[in-house]
């Protein structure tokens, strides 16, 4: 089973935006524990793949090690860490993707602590 983390700022944003539906959103995010290849890949920066999953008109962006997702089978994926870092509406999707890429290039994955 894969380890899934949600950035604290994203968790608070989910709670405030979705209120009653937040449990459905969190269940969608937690579903990646059992199916880590889920999501649309958006790009790779330094071996870190940026992917998105959708819920209604919102996109949730997460980071994972691209080599582990591509190469490892189910039993070896237990060492994989998926970190959800941002959320956006369809309208602001490209701005959010560009922001994630900029942070990864300048600071690296540690920039999303």
Protein backbone atom coordinates (compact mmCIF):
# COMPACT_ATOMS: atom_id res chain seq x y z
CA UNK A 1 0.00 0.00 0.00
CA UNK A 2 1.24 3.44 -0.96
CA UNK A 3 1.69 6.25 1.55
CA UNK A 4 -0.49 9.31 0.76
CA UNK A 5 0.17 12.69 2.39
CA UNK A 6 -1.85 15.88 2.09
CA UNK A 7 -0.19 19.24 2.68
CA UNK A 8 -1.72 20.99 5.71
CA UNK A 9 -2.64 24.08 3.70
CA UNK A 10 -4.41 21.92 1.11
CA UNK A 11 -6.30 19.99 3.79
CA UNK A 12 -7.59 23.27 5.28
CA UNK A 13 -8.56 24.51 1.81
CA UNK A 14 -10.50 21.29 1.11
CA UNK A 15 -12.33 21.56 4.43
CA UNK A 16 -13.32 25.18 3.84
CA UNK A 17 -14.26 24.77 0.17
CA UNK A 18 -16.23 21.52 0.29
CA UNK A 19 -17.54 21.46 3.89
CA UNK A 20 -19.94 18.46 3.83
CA UNK A 21 -18.46 16.95 0.70
CA UNK A 22 -14.93 17.04 2.10
CA UNK A 23 -15.15 13.38 3.15
CA UNK A 24 -15.88 12.39 -0.49
CA UNK A 25 -12.88 14.39 -1.67
CA UNK A 26 -10.62 12.87 0.98
CA UNK A 27 -11.85 9.37 0.04
CA UNK A 28 -10.95 10.12 -3.59
CA UNK A 29 -7.48 11.20 -2.50
CA UNK A 30 -7.06 8.15 -0.26
CA UNK A 31 -8.05 5.85 -3.15
CA UNK A 32 -4.56 6.37 -4.54
CA UNK A 33 -3.26 4.12 -1.75
CA UNK A 34 -4.64 1.16 -3.69
CA UNK A 35 -4.28 2.50 -7.24
CA UNK A 36 -1.19 4.75 -7.41
CA UNK A 37 -1.13 4.88 -11.21
CA UNK A 38 -4.43 6.76 -11.19
CA UNK A 39 -4.43 10.36 -12.41
CA UNK A 40 -3.43 12.31 -15.48
CA UNK A 41 0.32 12.99 -15.78
CA UNK A 42 1.11 16.66 -16.43
CA UNK A 43 4.90 16.68 -16.50
CA UNK A 44 8.12 15.43 -14.97
CA UNK A 45 10.65 17.68 -13.23
CA UNK A 46 13.84 16.04 -11.94
CA UNK A 47 12.32 12.56 -11.60
CA UNK A 48 9.20 13.87 -9.84
CA UNK A 49 5.98 13.41 -11.78
CA UNK A 50 3.16 15.94 -11.41
CA UNK A 51 -0.28 14.37 -11.77
CA UNK A 52 -3.86 15.47 -11.27
CA UNK A 53 -7.13 13.88 -10.30
CA UNK A 54 -10.48 15.57 -10.74
CA UNK A 55 -13.52 16.02 -8.56
CA UNK A 56 -16.34 17.90 -10.28
CA UNK A 57 -14.77 21.12 -11.60
CA UNK A 58 -11.76 21.00 -9.24
CA UNK A 59 -8.32 19.53 -9.85
CA UNK A 60 -6.07 18.10 -7.14
CA UNK A 61 -2.37 18.03 -7.96
CA UNK A 62 0.06 15.57 -6.46
CA UNK A 63 3.73 14.61 -6.72
CA UNK A 64 5.26 11.14 -6.89
CA UNK A 65 8.52 9.46 -7.89
CA UNK A 66 8.12 8.79 -11.61
CA UNK A 67 10.59 5.88 -11.68
CA UNK A 68 8.77 3.96 -8.95
CA UNK A 69 5.36 4.42 -10.55
CA UNK A 70 6.59 3.22 -13.95
CA UNK A 71 8.84 0.34 -12.94
CA UNK A 72 7.68 -1.26 -9.72
CA UNK A 73 4.94 -3.82 -9.24
CA UNK A 74 2.30 -3.83 -6.50
CA UNK A 75 4.42 -5.25 -3.68
CA UNK A 76 7.29 -2.80 -4.21
CA UNK A 77 5.04 0.25 -4.35
CA UNK A 78 4.79 0.29 -0.55
CA UNK A 79 7.82 2.59 -0.46
CA UNK A 80 6.15 5.13 -2.77
CA UNK A 81 5.09 8.47 -1.30
CA UNK A 82 2.33 10.47 -2.98
CA UNK A 83 2.05 14.05 -1.76
CA UNK A 84 -0.95 16.21 -2.60
CA UNK A 85 0.17 19.81 -2.83
CA UNK A 86 -2.38 22.04 -4.56
CA UNK A 87 -5.99 22.37 -5.64
CA UNK A 88 -7.47 24.58 -8.35
CA UNK A 89 -10.59 25.17 -10.36
CA UNK A 90 -10.59 24.53 -14.08
CA UNK A 91 -10.24 28.27 -14.67
CA UNK A 92 -6.91 28.53 -12.77
CA UNK A 93 -5.51 25.12 -13.70
CA UNK A 94 -2.59 26.28 -15.85
CA UNK A 95 -1.48 28.92 -13.33
CA UNK A 96 -1.37 26.26 -10.61
CA UNK A 97 0.59 23.82 -12.77
CA UNK A 98 3.12 26.53 -13.63
CA UNK A 99 3.46 27.44 -9.94
CA UNK A 100 4.12 23.80 -8.99
CA UNK A 101 6.75 23.46 -11.74
CA UNK A 102 8.47 26.68 -10.64
CA UNK A 103 8.66 25.53 -7.03
CA UNK A 104 10.04 22.13 -8.08
CA UNK A 105 12.70 23.73 -10.28
CA UNK A 106 13.85 26.29 -7.71
CA UNK A 107 13.45 24.53 -4.37
CA UNK A 108 12.57 20.92 -5.09
CA UNK A 109 9.92 18.76 -3.42
CA UNK A 110 10.89 20.15 -0.01
CA UNK A 111 9.18 23.40 -1.07
CA UNK A 112 5.77 21.81 -0.40
CA UNK A 113 6.30 21.03 3.31
